[in-house]
Amino acid sequence: MNDTQGKVWGETAVLLETPFFSIHILDIKAGGFCSEHRHAAKYNDFVVISGRLEITIFREGDTFEDKTILGPQGKTEIEPGVWHKFRALKDTRCLEIYRVELRNEDIDRRSHGGKE
């Protein structure tokens, strides 16, 4: 692994990075948690390899906390713009995948094509 960064909750390393997605491996100490945050354009997926990870998603104007607990092979997806955080219930190793979605309707036309 390269690009390993220490965090207050453990460490993260970049496994693969492209313009459209990146995969990180996270080692999170029991009780370790990240800040409440959101991503403007990226989906944030988690896949647990070992341990137990609690994912909290804040919904309905932050008045409702949706909590999911993932064990080994558990996974979840968080959509862009959604506030969330994670907390390790045990020492946890997981994959964190950031990705963007290419949309077919992502085009504005100023004129029409044709044939002369």
N, C-alpha and C. Protein backbone atom coordinates (compact mmCIF):
# COMPACT_ATOMS: atom_id res chain seq x y z
N MET A 1 0.84 -1.19 0.00
CA MET A 1 0.00 0.00 0.00
C MET A 1 0.88 1.25 0.00
N ASN A 2 0.36 2.28 -0.60
CA ASN A 2 1.07 3.55 -0.59
C ASN A 2 0.13 4.65 -0.13
N ASP A 3 0.68 5.81 0.09
CA ASP A 3 -0.11 6.96 0.53
C ASP A 3 -0.87 6.72 1.83
N THR A 4 -0.26 6.01 2.79
CA THR A 4 -0.90 5.77 4.08
C THR A 4 -0.89 7.07 4.89
N GLN A 5 -2.05 7.40 5.45
CA GLN A 5 -2.18 8.60 6.29
C GLN A 5 -2.70 8.20 7.66
N GLY A 6 -2.05 8.71 8.69
CA GLY A 6 -2.55 8.51 10.04
C GLY A 6 -3.72 9.42 10.31
N LYS A 7 -4.71 8.91 11.00
CA LYS A 7 -5.89 9.67 11.39
C LYS A 7 -6.07 9.50 12.89
N VAL A 8 -6.82 10.36 13.53
CA VAL A 8 -7.05 10.24 14.96
C VAL A 8 -7.77 8.92 15.27
N TRP A 9 -8.54 8.39 14.33
CA TRP A 9 -9.29 7.16 14.52
C TRP A 9 -8.56 5.91 14.05
N GLY A 10 -7.41 6.08 13.36
CA GLY A 10 -6.65 4.94 12.84
C GLY A 10 -5.80 5.36 11.66
N GLU A 11 -5.94 4.68 10.51
CA GLU A 11 -5.21 5.10 9.32
C GLU A 11 -5.95 4.70 8.05
N THR A 12 -5.61 5.37 6.97
CA THR A 12 -6.20 5.10 5.66
C THR A 12 -5.09 5.07 4.63
N ALA A 13 -5.27 4.22 3.61
CA ALA A 13 -4.31 4.12 2.52
C ALA A 13 -5.05 4.01 1.20
N VAL A 14 -4.53 4.67 0.19
CA VAL A 14 -5.11 4.62 -1.15
C VAL A 14 -4.68 3.32 -1.82
N LEU A 15 -5.66 2.53 -2.26
CA LEU A 15 -5.35 1.30 -3.00
C LEU A 15 -5.35 1.54 -4.50
N LEU A 16 -6.32 2.35 -4.96
CA LEU A 16 -6.46 2.62 -6.39
C LEU A 16 -7.19 3.95 -6.55
N GLU A 17 -6.71 4.75 -7.51
CA GLU A 17 -7.33 6.05 -7.73
C GLU A 17 -7.37 6.34 -9.22
N THR A 18 -8.56 6.69 -9.72
CA THR A 18 -8.76 7.11 -11.10
C THR A 18 -9.58 8.40 -11.07
N PRO A 19 -9.80 9.03 -12.23
CA PRO A 19 -10.65 10.22 -12.23
C PRO A 19 -12.11 9.94 -11.85
N PHE A 20 -12.55 8.67 -11.92
CA PHE A 20 -13.95 8.34 -11.68
C PHE A 20 -14.22 7.63 -10.37
N PHE A 21 -13.21 7.03 -9.77
CA PHE A 21 -13.39 6.37 -8.48
C PHE A 21 -12.05 6.22 -7.78
N SER A 22 -12.13 6.02 -6.47
CA SER A 22 -10.93 5.69 -5.70
C SER A 22 -11.34 4.69 -4.62
N ILE A 23 -10.38 3.83 -4.29
CA ILE A 23 -10.61 2.81 -3.27
C ILE A 23 -9.54 3.00 -2.19
N HIS A 24 -10.00 3.09 -0.95
CA HIS A 24 -9.11 3.26 0.20
C HIS A 24 -9.34 2.10 1.16
N ILE A 25 -8.29 1.70 1.87
CA ILE A 25 -8.47 0.72 2.94
C ILE A 25 -8.32 1.48 4.26
N LEU A 26 -9.31 1.31 5.14
CA LEU A 26 -9.31 2.00 6.43
C LEU A 26 -9.11 0.98 7.53
N ASP A 27 -8.22 1.29 8.44
CA ASP A 27 -8.06 0.54 9.69
C ASP A 27 -8.49 1.48 10.80
N ILE A 28 -9.62 1.15 11.43
CA ILE A 28 -10.23 2.04 12.42
C ILE A 28 -10.17 1.36 13.78
N LYS A 29 -9.60 2.06 14.76
CA LYS A 29 -9.52 1.52 16.12
C LYS A 29 -10.90 1.47 16.76
N ALA A 30 -11.13 0.48 17.62
CA ALA A 30 -12.40 0.38 18.34
C ALA A 30 -12.69 1.71 19.03
N GLY A 31 -13.89 2.23 18.83
CA GLY A 31 -14.27 3.52 19.41
C GLY A 31 -13.90 4.70 18.53
N GLY A 32 -13.10 4.49 17.50
CA GLY A 32 -12.70 5.57 16.61
C GLY A 32 -13.84 6.01 15.72
N PHE A 33 -13.93 7.31 15.47
CA PHE A 33 -15.01 7.83 14.62
C PHE A 33 -14.51 9.01 13.81
N CYS A 34 -15.18 9.26 12.71
CA CYS A 34 -14.83 10.39 11.84
C CYS A 34 -15.78 11.55 12.11
N SER A 35 -15.48 12.66 11.50
CA SER A 35 -16.34 13.84 11.61
C SER A 35 -17.64 13.63 10.83
N GLU A 36 -18.67 14.39 11.19
CA GLU A 36 -19.88 14.44 10.37
C GLU A 36 -19.52 15.23 9.12
N HIS A 37 -19.77 14.64 7.96
CA HIS A 37 -19.38 15.30 6.72
C HIS A 37 -20.28 14.84 5.57
N ARG A 38 -20.14 15.50 4.42
CA ARG A 38 -20.83 15.09 3.22
C ARG A 38 -19.94 15.39 2.02
N HIS A 39 -20.27 14.79 0.90
CA HIS A 39 -19.53 14.98 -0.34
C HIS A 39 -20.48 15.57 -1.37
N ALA A 40 -20.06 16.62 -2.05
CA ALA A 40 -20.93 17.31 -2.99
C ALA A 40 -21.29 16.45 -4.20
N ALA A 41 -20.33 15.72 -4.75
CA ALA A 41 -20.58 14.98 -5.99
C ALA A 41 -20.28 13.49 -5.90
N LYS A 42 -19.63 13.04 -4.84
CA LYS A 42 -19.19 11.65 -4.77
C LYS A 42 -20.14 10.78 -3.96
N TYR A 43 -20.35 9.57 -4.47
CA TYR A 43 -20.97 8.51 -3.66
C TYR A 43 -19.87 8.00 -2.73
N ASN A 44 -20.25 7.57 -1.54
CA ASN A 44 -19.30 7.07 -0.55
C ASN A 44 -19.80 5.68 -0.13
N ASP A 45 -19.10 4.64 -0.56
CA ASP A 45 -19.48 3.27 -0.24
C ASP A 45 -18.51 2.70 0.78
N PHE A 46 -19.04 1.87 1.68
CA PHE A 46 -18.22 1.16 2.66
C PHE A 46 -18.46 -0.33 2.53
N VAL A 47 -17.38 -1.13 2.55
CA VAL A 47 -17.45 -2.58 2.56
C VAL A 47 -16.56 -3.05 3.70
N VAL A 48 -17.15 -3.71 4.70
CA VAL A 48 -16.39 -4.15 5.88
C VAL A 48 -15.70 -5.47 5.59
N ILE A 49 -14.41 -5.53 5.90
CA ILE A 49 -13.62 -6.75 5.75
C ILE A 49 -13.62 -7.52 7.08
N SER A 50 -13.37 -6.80 8.18
CA SER A 50 -13.41 -7.40 9.51
C SER A 50 -13.81 -6.34 10.52
N GLY A 51 -14.37 -6.80 11.65
CA GLY A 51 -14.81 -5.87 12.70
C GLY A 51 -16.28 -5.52 12.56
N ARG A 52 -16.66 -4.40 13.19
CA ARG A 52 -18.05 -3.90 13.14
C ARG A 52 -18.01 -2.39 13.01
N LEU A 53 -18.73 -1.89 12.03
CA LEU A 53 -18.73 -0.47 11.72
C LEU A 53 -20.15 0.07 11.74
N GLU A 54 -20.35 1.13 12.52
CA GLU A 54 -21.65 1.81 12.56
C GLU A 54 -21.59 3.02 11.65
N ILE A 55 -22.52 3.08 10.71
CA ILE A 55 -22.64 4.22 9.80
C ILE A 55 -23.90 4.99 10.19
N THR A 56 -23.75 6.29 10.41
CA THR A 56 -24.90 7.14 10.72
C THR A 56 -25.12 8.09 9.56
N ILE A 57 -26.35 8.10 9.06
CA ILE A 57 -26.76 9.02 8.00
C ILE A 57 -27.79 9.96 8.61
N PHE A 58 -27.62 11.25 8.39
CA PHE A 58 -28.53 12.26 8.93
C PHE A 58 -29.56 12.61 7.87
N ARG A 59 -30.84 12.45 8.23
CA ARG A 59 -31.93 12.64 7.28
C ARG A 59 -32.94 13.66 7.81
N GLU A 60 -33.81 14.09 6.91
CA GLU A 60 -34.93 14.98 7.25
C GLU A 60 -34.45 16.21 8.01
N GLY A 61 -33.53 16.94 7.39
CA GLY A 61 -33.03 18.16 8.01
C GLY A 61 -32.29 17.91 9.31
N ASP A 62 -31.60 16.79 9.40
CA ASP A 62 -30.80 16.42 10.58
C ASP A 62 -31.64 16.08 11.81
N THR A 63 -32.93 15.88 11.64
CA THR A 63 -33.78 15.53 12.79
C THR A 63 -33.88 14.02 13.00
N PHE A 64 -33.39 13.25 12.04
CA PHE A 64 -33.48 11.79 12.12
C PHE A 64 -32.13 11.18 11.80
N GLU A 65 -31.63 10.33 12.69
CA GLU A 65 -30.37 9.63 12.46
C GLU A 65 -30.68 8.20 12.06
N ASP A 66 -30.25 7.81 10.88
CA ASP A 66 -30.44 6.46 10.35
C ASP A 66 -29.12 5.72 10.57
N LYS A 67 -29.12 4.75 11.49
CA LYS A 67 -27.89 4.02 11.83
C LYS A 67 -27.93 2.62 11.25
N THR A 68 -26.81 2.22 10.66
CA THR A 68 -26.64 0.88 10.10
C THR A 68 -25.36 0.30 10.70
N ILE A 69 -25.43 -0.94 11.16
CA ILE A 69 -24.24 -1.61 11.69
C ILE A 69 -23.84 -2.69 10.70
N LEU A 70 -22.60 -2.62 10.27
CA LEU A 70 -22.07 -3.55 9.28
C LEU A 70 -21.04 -4.47 9.92
N GLY A 71 -21.15 -5.76 9.65
CA GLY A 71 -20.14 -6.74 10.03
C GLY A 71 -19.37 -7.14 8.79
N PRO A 72 -18.54 -8.18 8.90
CA PRO A 72 -17.76 -8.63 7.74
C PRO A 72 -18.65 -8.90 6.53
N GLN A 73 -18.22 -8.40 5.40
CA GLN A 73 -18.89 -8.47 4.10
C GLN A 73 -20.12 -7.57 4.01
N GLY A 74 -20.42 -6.81 5.07
CA GLY A 74 -21.51 -5.85 5.01
C GLY A 74 -21.11 -4.65 4.18
N LYS A 75 -22.08 -4.05 3.50
CA LYS A 75 -21.79 -2.88 2.68
C LYS A 75 -22.95 -1.91 2.70
N THR A 76 -22.63 -0.65 2.44
CA THR A 76 -23.65 0.38 2.35
C THR A 76 -23.19 1.46 1.39
N GLU A 77 -24.16 2.22 0.87
CA GLU A 77 -23.90 3.31 -0.07
C GLU A 77 -24.49 4.60 0.49
N ILE A 78 -23.72 5.67 0.40
CA ILE A 78 -24.20 6.98 0.83
C ILE A 78 -24.17 7.89 -0.40
N GLU A 79 -25.29 8.50 -0.69
CA GLU A 79 -25.42 9.34 -1.87
C GLU A 79 -24.75 10.70 -1.66
N PRO A 80 -24.38 11.37 -2.75
CA PRO A 80 -23.80 12.71 -2.64
C PRO A 80 -24.75 13.65 -1.90
N GLY A 81 -24.18 14.56 -1.13
CA GLY A 81 -24.96 15.57 -0.42
C GLY A 81 -25.54 15.14 0.90
N VAL A 82 -25.37 13.88 1.28
CA VAL A 82 -25.95 13.36 2.52
C VAL A 82 -24.92 13.43 3.64
N TRP A 83 -25.27 14.06 4.75
CA TRP A 83 -24.39 14.13 5.92
C TRP A 83 -24.28 12.74 6.54
N HIS A 84 -23.06 12.36 6.93
CA HIS A 84 -22.86 11.03 7.51
C HIS A 84 -21.59 11.00 8.36
N LYS A 85 -21.43 9.91 9.10
CA LYS A 85 -20.22 9.67 9.88
C LYS A 85 -20.12 8.17 10.12
N PHE A 86 -18.93 7.71 10.53
CA PHE A 86 -18.77 6.31 10.91
C PHE A 86 -18.13 6.21 12.28
N ARG A 87 -18.34 5.05 12.93
CA ARG A 87 -17.73 4.75 14.23
C ARG A 87 -17.49 3.25 14.29
N ALA A 88 -16.28 2.86 14.71
CA ALA A 88 -15.93 1.45 14.82
C ALA A 88 -16.38 0.92 16.18
N LEU A 89 -17.18 -0.15 16.17
CA LEU A 89 -17.62 -0.79 17.41
C LEU A 89 -16.58 -1.79 17.91
N LYS A 90 -15.73 -2.25 17.00
CA LYS A 90 -14.58 -3.12 17.28
C LYS A 90 -13.47 -2.64 16.35
N ASP A 91 -12.24 -3.10 16.55
CA ASP A 91 -11.22 -2.82 15.56
C ASP A 91 -11.77 -3.26 14.20
N THR A 92 -11.70 -2.36 13.22
CA THR A 92 -12.36 -2.60 11.94
C THR A 92 -11.42 -2.31 10.78
N ARG A 93 -11.49 -3.17 9.79
CA ARG A 93 -10.82 -2.93 8.51
C ARG A 93 -11.92 -2.92 7.46
N CYS A 94 -11.93 -1.88 6.62
CA CYS A 94 -12.95 -1.78 5.58
C CYS A 94 -12.40 -1.09 4.35
N LEU A 95 -13.12 -1.26 3.27
CA LEU A 95 -12.84 -0.52 2.05
C LEU A 95 -13.78 0.68 2.02
N GLU A 96 -13.23 1.82 1.65
CA GLU A 96 -14.04 3.02 1.42
C GLU A 96 -13.87 3.35 -0.05
N ILE A 97 -14.99 3.39 -0.76
CA ILE A 97 -14.97 3.61 -2.20
C ILE A 97 -15.68 4.92 -2.50
N TYR A 98 -14.96 5.81 -3.18
CA TYR A 98 -15.55 7.06 -3.66
C TYR A 98 -15.76 6.89 -5.16
N ARG A 99 -16.95 7.29 -5.63
CA ARG A 99 -17.21 7.18 -7.07
C ARG A 99 -18.19 8.27 -7.50
N VAL A 100 -18.13 8.58 -8.77
CA VAL A 100 -19.08 9.52 -9.36
C VAL A 100 -19.94 8.76 -10.34
N GLU A 101 -21.11 9.29 -10.61
CA GLU A 101 -22.04 8.64 -11.53
C GLU A 101 -22.11 9.44 -12.81
N LEU A 102 -21.80 8.78 -13.91
CA LEU A 102 -21.95 9.42 -15.21
C LEU A 102 -23.41 9.27 -15.63
N ARG A 103 -24.03 10.36 -16.02
CA ARG A 103 -25.46 10.36 -16.34
C ARG A 103 -25.68 10.58 -17.82
N ASN A 104 -26.53 9.75 -18.43
CA ASN A 104 -26.83 9.88 -19.86
C ASN A 104 -27.47 11.22 -20.19
N GLU A 105 -28.26 11.75 -19.26
CA GLU A 105 -28.95 13.02 -19.51
C GLU A 105 -28.04 14.22 -19.25
N ASP A 106 -26.76 14.01 -19.08
CA ASP A 106 -25.81 15.06 -18.77
C ASP A 106 -25.38 15.78 -20.05
N ILE A 107 -26.35 16.36 -20.75
CA ILE A 107 -26.03 17.09 -21.98
C ILE A 107 -27.06 18.21 -22.18
N ASP A 108 -26.59 19.38 -22.54
CA ASP A 108 -27.43 20.51 -22.92
C ASP A 108 -27.12 20.81 -24.39
N ARG A 109 -28.14 20.90 -25.23
CA ARG A 109 -27.92 21.18 -26.65
C ARG A 109 -28.34 22.61 -26.99
N ARG A 110 -27.50 23.28 -27.76
CA ARG A 110 -27.83 24.64 -28.23
C ARG A 110 -28.36 24.60 -29.65
N SER A 111 -28.18 23.48 -30.33
CA SER A 111 -28.69 23.34 -31.68
C SER A 111 -28.97 21.88 -31.95
N HIS A 112 -29.48 21.57 -33.14
CA HIS A 112 -29.77 20.19 -33.51
C HIS A 112 -28.78 19.75 -34.59
N GLY A 113 -28.40 18.49 -34.55
CA GLY A 113 -27.56 17.95 -35.60
C GLY A 113 -28.39 17.65 -36.83
N GLY A 114 -27.73 17.40 -37.93
CA GLY A 114 -28.44 17.11 -39.17
C GLY A 114 -27.50 16.70 -40.26
N LYS A 115 -27.99 16.78 -41.49
CA LYS A 115 -27.19 16.43 -42.67
C LYS A 115 -27.50 17.41 -43.77
N GLU A 116 -26.49 17.90 -44.44
CA GLU A 116 -26.68 18.84 -45.54
C GLU A 116 -26.69 18.13 -46.86
